[in-house]
Amino acid sequence: MHDERGFRVSARNDGKNRYENHNNMKVSIIIAFYNSHGVVARQVKHFASMNLPDDIEFILVDDGSNPSHDIADYDLKNLRLHHTNDKRAWTQGLARNAGAALARGEYVLMTDIDHILSKDLIMAVHGFSGDKMTFPRYFGVLLPDGTFSQEPSILEEYGLDMERLKTKRGLYASFHGNTFAMKKSTFDMLGGYSKRHSTFGFHPASRMGEDCVFNEVWNRYAGKNGISPAIGPSMFIFPIGRYHIKGELNPMGLFHDLSQEAVPQPPKE
């Protein structure tokens, strides 16, 4: 059967698909995560409020969460929830590859669960025709109802050092290689994320991480072909880790608690 938008609705809720859209997609937004139940719910509410075109899909990749995420918990059109069932400690690159393999969009928009995308950013990718787009990051927070805030008092509550606002940097964080839009054909041609660099069992602080290695592959390809990535609208990031005043990776229990220590971690239970 089909709904009023022309999507074929699965008669059986198999825990994976909200809709099956057989029309062409322009953008596949891919978010791999582990646990992070509270912030996944906030992200879904944030996206649902945007009234996006029907040729944008969302692929959430649950990389071994305990308990696992259930698609019945989320109300978002064009949403697919994929479970990797991978119990190794850090396999985000492989989870991203799994999301890309499912993607039906001309472009993949890869992002982290602690990053926040605006409608302006998503629509810039929707209208894009180049090879790659990257985005400057600023600090922000998604509240429990999915609304976005940069109120200083809220940023301070979530751990941002307010002394930062007295500097020239202000709310600017940086660019980050983990959030980008790229032609899916280019992502596939580059081979996606390296399996070897995605299975260390930890997230290395050095340039050996899967995101750094993938971007080095891209840089060689772009340099050889004279391609410069476009700069898109701003994205936002929760103040966690090195941006948190106490260095916390999991403030308010919204994110995972995997260590960034450069030693392999035990398998997830």
Protein backbone atom coordinates (compact mmCIF):
# COMPACT_ATOMS: atom_id res chain seq x y z
CA MET A 1 0.00 0.00 0.00
CA HIS A 2 1.04 3.64 -0.46
CA ASP A 3 0.60 6.75 1.66
CA GLU A 4 -0.50 10.19 0.47
CA ARG A 5 3.06 11.06 -0.57
CA GLY A 6 3.39 8.07 -2.87
CA PHE A 7 5.65 6.07 -0.55
CA ARG A 8 5.07 2.37 -0.29
CA VAL A 9 4.46 1.69 3.38
CA SER A 10 5.63 -1.64 4.75
CA ALA A 11 2.65 -3.58 6.06
CA ARG A 12 4.97 -5.35 8.49
CA ASN A 13 7.14 -3.36 10.89
CA ASP A 14 10.40 -5.27 10.60
CA GLY A 15 12.30 -2.79 12.77
CA LYS A 16 14.29 -1.49 9.82
CA ASN A 17 12.22 0.62 7.43
CA ARG A 18 9.73 3.41 7.99
CA TYR A 19 9.03 3.82 4.26
CA GLU A 20 10.22 2.30 1.03
CA ASN A 21 10.53 5.09 -1.52
CA HIS A 22 11.17 3.83 -5.02
CA ASN A 23 11.64 7.29 -6.52
CA ASN A 24 15.12 8.69 -7.07
CA MET A 25 16.80 10.21 -4.03
CA LYS A 26 19.07 13.24 -4.14
CA VAL A 27 20.55 13.10 -0.63
CA SER A 28 21.12 10.27 1.83
CA ILE A 29 21.91 11.55 5.33
CA ILE A 30 23.90 8.86 7.15
CA ILE A 31 24.51 8.85 10.90
CA ALA A 32 26.34 5.98 12.57
CA PHE A 33 26.14 5.81 16.37
CA TYR A 34 26.54 3.61 19.41
CA ASN A 35 24.02 3.87 22.29
CA SER A 36 23.30 7.65 22.39
CA HIS A 37 19.55 6.96 22.67
CA GLY A 38 18.68 10.38 24.03
CA VAL A 39 20.48 12.39 21.39
CA VAL A 40 19.26 10.15 18.55
CA ALA A 41 15.70 10.99 19.61
CA ARG A 42 16.58 14.69 19.64
CA GLN A 43 18.12 14.47 16.16
CA VAL A 44 15.03 12.73 14.76
CA LYS A 45 12.73 15.41 16.19
CA HIS A 46 15.05 18.10 14.80
CA PHE A 47 14.91 16.61 11.29
CA ALA A 48 11.17 15.97 11.45
CA SER A 49 10.52 19.67 12.09
CA MET A 50 12.20 20.73 8.83
CA ASN A 51 9.59 19.68 6.24
CA LEU A 52 12.29 18.52 3.83
CA PRO A 53 11.77 17.41 0.21
CA ASP A 54 10.73 13.82 -0.37
CA ASP A 55 13.98 12.97 -2.16
CA ILE A 56 16.00 13.23 1.06
CA GLU A 57 16.37 10.05 3.11
CA PHE A 58 17.81 9.28 6.54
CA ILE A 59 19.85 6.19 7.31
CA LEU A 60 20.58 5.66 11.00
CA VAL A 61 23.19 2.97 11.59
CA ASP A 62 23.07 1.42 15.06
CA ASP A 63 26.59 0.06 15.58
CA GLY A 64 25.94 -2.50 18.32
CA SER A 65 23.98 -0.44 20.86
CA ASN A 66 22.80 -2.11 24.06
CA PRO A 67 19.86 -1.97 24.16
CA SER A 68 19.48 -1.67 20.42
CA HIS A 69 17.43 1.13 18.91
CA ASP A 70 13.90 0.41 17.65
CA ILE A 71 12.50 2.26 14.64
CA ALA A 72 9.11 2.32 16.36
CA ASP A 73 10.61 4.95 18.68
CA TYR A 74 11.13 7.45 15.86
CA ASP A 75 8.69 9.35 13.65
CA LEU A 76 10.51 10.60 10.56
CA LYS A 77 9.65 10.11 6.90
CA ASN A 78 12.17 8.31 4.69
CA LEU A 79 13.90 6.84 7.73
CA ARG A 80 15.73 3.54 7.73
CA LEU A 81 17.35 2.06 10.80
CA HIS A 82 20.12 -0.46 10.15
CA HIS A 83 21.68 -2.60 12.88
CA THR A 84 25.27 -3.73 12.33
CA ASN A 85 25.16 -6.03 15.40
CA ASP A 86 28.91 -5.43 15.63
CA LYS A 87 30.15 -5.88 19.20
CA ARG A 88 33.68 -4.61 18.63
CA ALA A 89 34.47 -1.43 20.50
CA TRP A 90 35.08 1.06 17.68
CA THR A 91 33.89 0.31 14.15
CA GLN A 92 32.34 3.63 13.15
CA GLY A 93 33.99 3.63 9.72
CA LEU A 94 32.52 0.24 8.90
CA ALA A 95 29.11 1.42 10.11
CA ARG A 96 29.38 4.41 7.78
CA ASN A 97 30.26 2.08 4.92
CA ALA A 98 27.16 0.03 5.73
CA GLY A 99 25.04 3.17 5.58
CA ALA A 100 26.56 4.16 2.23
CA ALA A 101 25.84 0.69 0.84
CA LEU A 102 22.15 1.21 1.68
CA ALA A 103 22.03 4.77 0.37
CA ARG A 104 19.91 5.55 -2.67
CA GLY A 105 20.89 9.20 -2.92
CA GLU A 106 23.06 10.79 -5.57
CA TYR A 107 24.90 12.38 -2.62
CA VAL A 108 25.78 10.98 0.78
CA LEU A 109 25.81 13.45 3.66
CA MET A 110 27.89 11.84 6.40
CA THR A 111 27.69 13.28 9.89
CA ASP A 112 28.36 12.38 13.53
CA ILE A 113 25.68 12.07 16.19
CA ASP A 114 27.17 15.02 18.12
CA HIS A 115 26.95 17.25 15.05
CA ILE A 116 23.81 19.26 14.28
CA LEU A 117 22.68 19.98 10.72
CA SER A 118 20.54 22.98 9.84
CA LYS A 119 17.88 22.98 7.15
CA ASP A 120 19.98 25.54 5.24
CA LEU A 121 22.89 23.10 5.20
CA ILE A 122 20.77 20.17 4.04
CA MET A 123 19.15 22.24 1.30
CA ALA A 124 22.56 23.48 0.15
CA VAL A 125 23.56 19.85 -0.36
CA HIS A 126 20.22 19.18 -2.06
CA GLY A 127 21.04 21.85 -4.65
CA PHE A 128 24.72 20.92 -4.99
CA SER A 129 26.28 19.54 -8.17
CA GLY A 130 29.98 19.40 -7.26
CA ASP A 131 32.11 16.60 -5.86
CA LYS A 132 32.37 17.42 -2.16
CA MET A 133 31.12 20.00 0.33
CA THR A 134 32.50 20.69 3.79
CA PHE A 135 31.15 22.85 6.60
CA PRO A 136 32.47 25.13 9.37
CA ARG A 137 31.42 24.11 12.90
CA TYR A 138 30.01 26.30 15.64
CA PHE A 139 28.77 25.31 19.09
CA GLY A 140 25.12 24.57 19.65
CA VAL A 141 22.78 22.18 21.43
CA LEU A 142 19.64 20.23 20.60
CA LEU A 143 17.15 20.35 23.46
CA PRO A 144 14.96 17.34 24.38
CA ASP A 145 12.16 18.52 22.05
CA GLY A 146 14.61 18.74 19.12
CA THR A 147 14.85 22.53 19.04
CA PHE A 148 18.25 24.13 18.46
CA SER A 149 19.82 26.60 20.87
CA GLN A 150 22.97 28.69 21.15
CA GLU A 151 21.85 30.49 24.30
CA PRO A 152 24.98 31.07 26.42
CA SER A 153 23.32 29.76 29.58
CA ILE A 154 22.39 26.50 27.82
CA LEU A 155 25.82 26.10 26.25
CA GLU A 156 27.33 26.59 29.70
CA GLU A 157 24.96 23.98 31.15
CA TYR A 158 26.16 21.52 28.52
CA GLY A 159 29.79 22.18 29.34
CA LEU A 160 31.12 24.96 27.11
CA ASP A 161 33.80 27.08 28.76
CA MET A 162 32.34 30.58 28.76
CA GLU A 163 35.83 32.10 28.69
CA ARG A 164 35.91 31.02 25.07
CA LEU A 165 33.28 33.63 24.22
CA LYS A 166 35.70 36.38 25.25
CA THR A 167 38.16 35.36 22.52
CA LYS A 168 38.10 35.93 18.77
CA ARG A 169 37.02 32.34 18.28
CA GLY A 170 33.70 32.88 20.01
CA LEU A 171 31.37 30.01 19.13
CA TYR A 172 33.52 28.85 16.21
CA ALA A 173 34.96 25.36 16.69
CA SER A 174 36.61 24.19 13.45
CA PHE A 175 36.00 22.26 10.29
CA HIS A 176 35.81 18.50 10.82
CA GLY A 177 36.50 15.74 8.32
CA ASN A 178 33.73 13.52 9.67
CA THR A 179 30.88 15.66 8.34
CA PHE A 180 30.80 16.19 4.59
CA ALA A 181 28.64 15.76 1.51
CA MET A 182 30.05 13.79 -1.42
CA LYS A 183 28.79 12.20 -4.58
CA LYS A 184 27.99 8.61 -3.69
CA SER A 185 29.77 7.46 -6.83
CA THR A 186 32.93 9.24 -5.64
CA PHE A 187 32.66 7.76 -2.14
CA ASP A 188 32.32 4.30 -3.64
CA MET A 189 35.17 4.87 -6.08
CA LEU A 190 37.46 5.93 -3.22
CA GLY A 191 36.63 2.67 -1.43
CA GLY A 192 34.89 4.16 1.60
CA TYR A 193 36.52 3.82 5.01
CA SER A 194 39.51 1.54 5.51
CA LYS A 195 38.60 -1.67 7.33
CA ARG A 196 42.02 -1.84 8.97
CA HIS A 197 41.78 1.69 10.33
CA SER A 198 38.19 1.10 11.49
CA THR A 199 38.94 -1.89 13.71
CA PHE A 200 41.64 -0.73 16.14
CA GLY A 201 39.16 -1.08 19.01
CA PHE A 202 39.57 2.59 19.95
CA HIS A 203 39.40 6.03 18.37
CA PRO A 204 43.03 7.10 17.93
CA ALA A 205 43.93 10.70 18.58
CA SER A 206 46.62 10.48 15.89
CA ARG A 207 46.12 10.70 12.13
CA MET A 208 45.64 6.93 12.01
CA GLY A 209 41.89 7.23 12.55
CA GLU A 210 39.54 6.06 9.81
CA ASP A 211 38.30 9.59 9.12
CA CYS A 212 41.82 10.97 8.69
CA VAL A 213 42.83 8.11 6.41
CA PHE A 214 39.71 8.51 4.26
CA ASN A 215 40.31 12.24 3.91
CA GLU A 216 43.92 11.63 2.90
CA VAL A 217 42.65 9.35 0.13
CA TRP A 218 40.23 12.09 -0.92
CA ASN A 219 42.97 14.75 -0.85
CA ARG A 220 45.18 12.70 -3.17
CA TYR A 221 42.29 12.15 -5.56
CA ALA A 222 41.23 15.82 -5.46
CA GLY A 223 44.80 17.05 -5.95
CA LYS A 224 45.34 14.78 -8.93
CA ASN A 225 42.11 15.97 -10.54
CA GLY A 226 42.27 19.64 -9.56
CA ILE A 227 39.14 19.49 -7.39
CA SER A 228 38.50 21.86 -4.51
CA PRO A 229 35.64 21.10 -2.10
CA ALA A 230 32.88 23.67 -1.79
CA ILE A 231 32.32 25.36 1.57
CA GLY A 232 28.74 25.04 2.70
CA PRO A 233 26.64 26.66 5.45
CA SER A 234 27.54 26.29 9.11
CA MET A 235 26.92 23.14 11.09
CA PHE A 236 26.98 22.87 14.88
CA ILE A 237 28.46 20.64 17.56
CA PHE A 238 27.60 19.81 21.15
CA PRO A 239 30.45 20.89 23.46
CA ILE A 240 31.90 17.49 24.33
CA GLY A 241 35.39 16.05 24.71
CA ARG A 242 38.09 18.63 24.19
CA TYR A 243 35.39 21.30 23.88
CA HIS A 244 33.87 20.46 27.27
CA ILE A 245 35.17 22.43 30.23
CA LYS A 246 35.93 19.17 32.08
CA GLY A 247 36.82 17.16 28.98
CA GLU A 248 33.75 14.92 29.28
CA LEU A 249 32.93 12.74 26.28
CA ASN A 250 29.46 11.85 27.52
CA PRO A 251 27.87 14.88 29.19
CA MET A 252 24.33 14.29 30.45
CA GLY A 253 24.54 10.68 29.30
CA LEU A 254 23.60 11.63 25.74
CA PHE A 255 26.50 9.95 23.97
CA HIS A 256 28.50 6.74 24.22
CA ASP A 257 31.17 6.13 26.83
CA LEU A 258 33.81 4.46 24.66
CA SER A 259 37.30 5.56 25.61
CA GLN A 260 39.62 7.52 23.34
CA GLU A 261 42.64 6.00 25.03
CA ALA A 262 45.05 4.55 22.47
CA VAL A 263 44.57 0.98 23.69
CA PRO A 264 42.11 -1.61 22.38
CA GLN A 265 38.90 -1.80 24.37
CA PRO A 266 37.05 -5.03 25.24
CA PRO A 267 34.13 -6.08 23.01
CA LYS A 268 30.82 -4.39 23.77
CA GLU A 269 28.48 -6.58 25.76
